[in-house]
Amino acid sequence: MSTLLEQAICQLKNLPTNQQDEIALIILEEIEDELKWERSFNNSQDVLAKLATEALQEYQAGKTQELDPQT
């Protein structure tokens, strides 16, 4: 456990139980959100690689046009 997390937990112990529970829920939700993003990212690598290959093939075949950000 990191020093910062240990400090946070020490301070949490001094809060009323209801506040401890509220903060615990926030932490657990953040962890779950992070895990979901990580799973989504890991599962999307094949799709992203396929899209990149298709885009490169279209570019090499002359099927793309330069984007003008001014228009």
C-alpha atoms as a PDB file:
ATOM      1  CA  MET A   1       0.000   0.000   0.000  1.00  0.00           C
ATOM      2  CA  SER A   2       1.325   3.427  -0.878  1.00  0.00           C
ATOM      3  CA  THR A   3       2.149   5.982   1.781  1.00  0.00           C
ATOM      4  CA  LEU A   4      -0.458   8.371   0.431  1.00  0.00           C
ATOM      5  CA  LEU A   5      -3.178   5.726   0.567  1.00  0.00           C
ATOM      6  CA  GLU A   6      -2.160   4.839   4.136  1.00  0.00           C
ATOM      7  CA  GLN A   7      -2.454   8.523   5.088  1.00  0.00           C
ATOM      8  CA  ALA A   8      -5.900   8.747   3.503  1.00  0.00           C
ATOM      9  CA  ILE A   9      -7.105   5.638   5.317  1.00  0.00           C
ATOM     10  CA  CYS A  10      -5.792   6.958   8.639  1.00  0.00           C
ATOM     11  CA  GLN A  11      -7.803  10.133   8.138  1.00  0.00           C
ATOM     12  CA  LEU A  12     -10.859   8.173   7.027  1.00  0.00           C
ATOM     13  CA  LYS A  13     -10.816   6.237  10.296  1.00  0.00           C
ATOM     14  CA  ASN A  14     -11.542   9.489  12.127  1.00  0.00           C
ATOM     15  CA  LEU A  15     -14.689  10.227  10.130  1.00  0.00           C
ATOM     16  CA  PRO A  16     -18.174   9.079  11.105  1.00  0.00           C
ATOM     17  CA  THR A  17     -19.173   5.690   9.712  1.00  0.00           C
ATOM     18  CA  ASN A  18     -21.642   7.113   7.204  1.00  0.00           C
ATOM     19  CA  GLN A  19     -18.932   9.345   5.684  1.00  0.00           C
ATOM     20  CA  GLN A  20     -16.501   6.427   5.612  1.00  0.00           C
ATOM     21  CA  ASP A  21     -19.091   4.402   3.706  1.00  0.00           C
ATOM     22  CA  GLU A  22     -19.729   7.227   1.235  1.00  0.00           C
ATOM     23  CA  ILE A  23     -16.020   7.570   0.472  1.00  0.00           C
ATOM     24  CA  ALA A  24     -15.623   3.804   0.256  1.00  0.00           C
ATOM     25  CA  LEU A  25     -18.411   3.676  -2.347  1.00  0.00           C
ATOM     26  CA  ILE A  26     -16.723   6.403  -4.382  1.00  0.00           C
ATOM     27  CA  ILE A  27     -13.427   4.526  -4.317  1.00  0.00           C
ATOM     28  CA  LEU A  28     -15.053   1.225  -5.273  1.00  0.00           C
ATOM     29  CA  GLU A  29     -16.953   2.868  -8.138  1.00  0.00           C
ATOM     30  CA  GLU A  30     -13.745   4.468  -9.423  1.00  0.00           C
ATOM     31  CA  ILE A  31     -11.944   1.129  -9.321  1.00  0.00           C
ATOM     32  CA  GLU A  32     -14.789  -0.579 -11.191  1.00  0.00           C
ATOM     33  CA  ASP A  33     -14.854   2.200 -13.811  1.00  0.00           C
ATOM     34  CA  GLU A  34     -11.107   1.860 -14.298  1.00  0.00           C
ATOM     35  CA  LEU A  35     -11.415  -1.911 -14.729  1.00  0.00           C
ATOM     36  CA  LYS A  36     -14.215  -1.458 -17.284  1.00  0.00           C
ATOM     37  CA  TRP A  37     -12.123   0.995 -19.319  1.00  0.00           C
ATOM     38  CA  GLU A  38      -9.139  -1.330 -19.168  1.00  0.00           C
ATOM     39  CA  ARG A  39     -11.218  -4.294 -20.359  1.00  0.00           C
ATOM     40  CA  SER A  40     -12.791  -2.226 -23.132  1.00  0.00           C
ATOM     41  CA  PHE A  41      -9.422  -0.968 -24.283  1.00  0.00           C
ATOM     42  CA  ASN A  42      -7.877  -4.439 -24.221  1.00  0.00           C
ATOM     43  CA  ASN A  43     -10.814  -5.886 -26.138  1.00  0.00           C
ATOM     44  CA  SER A  44     -10.701  -3.159 -28.783  1.00  0.00           C
ATOM     45  CA  GLN A  45      -7.128  -3.668 -29.944  1.00  0.00           C
ATOM     46  CA  ASP A  46      -8.033  -6.131 -32.702  1.00  0.00           C
ATOM     47  CA  VAL A  47     -10.793  -3.859 -33.983  1.00  0.00           C
ATOM     48  CA  LEU A  48      -8.502  -0.828 -33.939  1.00  0.00           C
ATOM     49  CA  ALA A  49      -5.758  -2.720 -35.765  1.00  0.00           C
ATOM     50  CA  LYS A  50      -8.246  -3.817 -38.439  1.00  0.00           C
ATOM     51  CA  LEU A  51      -9.537  -0.261 -38.892  1.00  0.00           C
ATOM     52  CA  ALA A  52      -5.983   1.070 -39.151  1.00  0.00           C
ATOM     53  CA  THR A  53      -5.127  -1.522 -41.807  1.00  0.00           C
ATOM     54  CA  GLU A  54      -8.259  -0.658 -43.793  1.00  0.00           C
ATOM     55  CA  ALA A  55      -7.476   3.071 -43.581  1.00  0.00           C
ATOM     56  CA  LEU A  56      -3.912   2.500 -44.771  1.00  0.00           C
ATOM     57  CA  GLN A  57      -5.129   0.359 -47.675  1.00  0.00           C
ATOM     58  CA  GLU A  58      -7.629   3.037 -48.711  1.00  0.00           C
ATOM     59  CA  TYR A  59      -4.896   5.677 -48.522  1.00  0.00           C
ATOM     60  CA  GLN A  60      -2.503   3.591 -50.614  1.00  0.00           C
ATOM     61  CA  ALA A  61      -5.271   2.939 -53.174  1.00  0.00           C
ATOM     62  CA  GLY A  62      -5.881   6.683 -53.521  1.00  0.00           C
ATOM     63  CA  LYS A  63      -9.373   6.478 -52.048  1.00  0.00           C
ATOM     64  CA  THR A  64      -8.781   9.199 -49.465  1.00  0.00           C
ATOM     65  CA  GLN A  65      -8.592  12.952 -49.633  1.00  0.00           C
ATOM     66  CA  GLU A  66      -6.679  15.441 -47.579  1.00  0.00           C
ATOM     67  CA  LEU A  67      -8.704  17.105 -44.851  1.00  0.00           C
ATOM     68  CA  ASP A  68      -8.638  20.890 -44.828  1.00  0.00           C
ATOM     69  CA  PRO A  69      -9.308  22.011 -41.247  1.00  0.00           C
ATOM     70  CA  GLN A  70     -10.053  25.558 -42.491  1.00  0.00           C
ATOM     71  CA  THR A  71     -13.229  24.504 -44.304  1.00  0.00           C
END
